Amino acid sequence: MALADDLKAGIAALDAETTRVGQRIDALVARLAQGTLSDAEKAEVMAALTAEADRLKVLGTDPSAPVPPPSPALQAARRK
């Protein structure tokens, strides 16, 4: 039971930290929205940061997939 409790606590800590990272990215998106980037640059940066924030927020909250699949580059490196 202690191991299960430790795992649950670890998952909760991961969830809290990834949510904080997502919130920091959200804050950056808000600041970029007020900056002097061109509309195209703003759209590109905001879309990328928003997608990353969403991914991080979900990372620790989906018990069926708590870890996202590795990137294609990481998968290729593992096969070597």
Protein backbone atom coordinates (compact mmCIF):
# COMPACT_ATOMS: atom_id res chain seq x y z
CA MET A 1 0.00 0.00 0.00
CA ALA A 2 2.87 2.39 0.77
CA LEU A 3 4.21 2.03 -2.78
CA ALA A 4 0.78 2.80 -4.24
CA ASP A 5 0.52 5.87 -2.02
CA ASP A 6 4.01 6.97 -3.09
CA LEU A 7 3.09 6.52 -6.74
CA LYS A 8 -0.12 8.49 -6.28
CA ALA A 9 1.81 11.26 -4.55
CA GLY A 10 4.35 11.29 -7.36
CA ILE A 11 1.66 11.53 -9.99
CA ALA A 12 -0.02 14.35 -8.06
CA ALA A 13 3.30 16.19 -7.86
CA LEU A 14 3.87 15.70 -11.59
CA ASP A 15 0.39 16.98 -12.32
CA ALA A 16 0.92 20.06 -10.15
CA GLU A 17 4.28 20.85 -11.73
CA THR A 18 3.13 20.38 -15.32
CA THR A 19 0.12 22.58 -14.60
CA ARG A 20 2.46 25.29 -13.27
CA VAL A 21 4.60 25.01 -16.41
CA GLY A 22 1.47 25.32 -18.52
CA GLN A 23 0.42 28.39 -16.58
CA ARG A 24 3.83 29.99 -17.16
CA ILE A 25 3.51 29.30 -20.88
CA ASP A 26 0.01 30.82 -20.82
CA ALA A 27 1.52 33.93 -19.22
CA LEU A 28 4.11 34.11 -22.01
CA VAL A 29 1.37 33.81 -24.61
CA ALA A 30 -0.45 36.71 -22.95
CA ARG A 31 2.71 38.82 -23.00
CA LEU A 32 3.40 37.99 -26.64
CA ALA A 33 -0.12 39.08 -27.47
CA GLN A 34 0.82 42.56 -26.25
CA GLY A 35 4.19 42.71 -28.06
CA THR A 36 5.38 44.03 -31.38
CA LEU A 37 5.55 40.83 -33.42
CA SER A 38 3.91 40.77 -36.82
CA ASP A 39 0.50 39.15 -36.95
CA ALA A 40 1.94 36.06 -38.66
CA GLU A 41 4.73 35.73 -36.09
CA LYS A 42 2.29 36.16 -33.23
CA ALA A 43 -0.05 33.52 -34.63
CA GLU A 44 2.78 31.03 -35.09
CA VAL A 45 4.31 31.54 -31.64
CA MET A 46 0.99 31.63 -29.84
CA ALA A 47 -0.25 28.46 -31.52
CA ALA A 48 2.94 26.59 -30.61
CA LEU A 49 2.97 27.80 -27.01
CA THR A 50 -0.74 27.17 -26.53
CA ALA A 51 -0.41 23.63 -27.85
CA GLU A 52 2.51 22.99 -25.50
CA ALA A 53 0.62 24.42 -22.53
CA ASP A 54 -2.38 22.21 -23.29
CA ARG A 55 -0.15 19.15 -23.65
CA LEU A 56 1.57 19.81 -20.33
CA LYS A 57 -1.69 20.39 -18.49
CA VAL A 58 -3.01 17.04 -19.68
CA LEU A 59 0.24 15.18 -19.07
CA GLY A 60 -0.35 14.36 -15.42
CA THR A 61 -4.13 14.21 -15.47
CA ASP A 62 -4.84 11.37 -17.91
CA PRO A 63 -4.42 8.12 -15.96
CA SER A 64 -4.72 6.03 -19.13
CA ALA A 65 -1.81 7.88 -20.79
CA PRO A 66 0.18 9.73 -18.12
CA VAL A 67 3.25 10.04 -20.33
CA PRO A 68 3.01 11.29 -23.90
CA PRO A 69 4.50 9.10 -26.61
CA PRO A 70 8.18 9.81 -27.25
CA SER A 71 9.08 12.12 -30.09
CA PRO A 72 10.07 10.54 -33.41
CA ALA A 73 13.68 11.65 -32.82
CA LEU A 74 13.77 9.90 -29.44
CA GLN A 75 12.23 6.75 -30.89
CA ALA A 76 14.89 6.71 -33.65
CA ALA A 77 17.67 7.19 -31.10
CA ARG A 78 16.37 4.28 -29.02
CA ARG A 79 16.46 1.96 -32.03
CA LYS A 80 20.18 2.56 -32.64
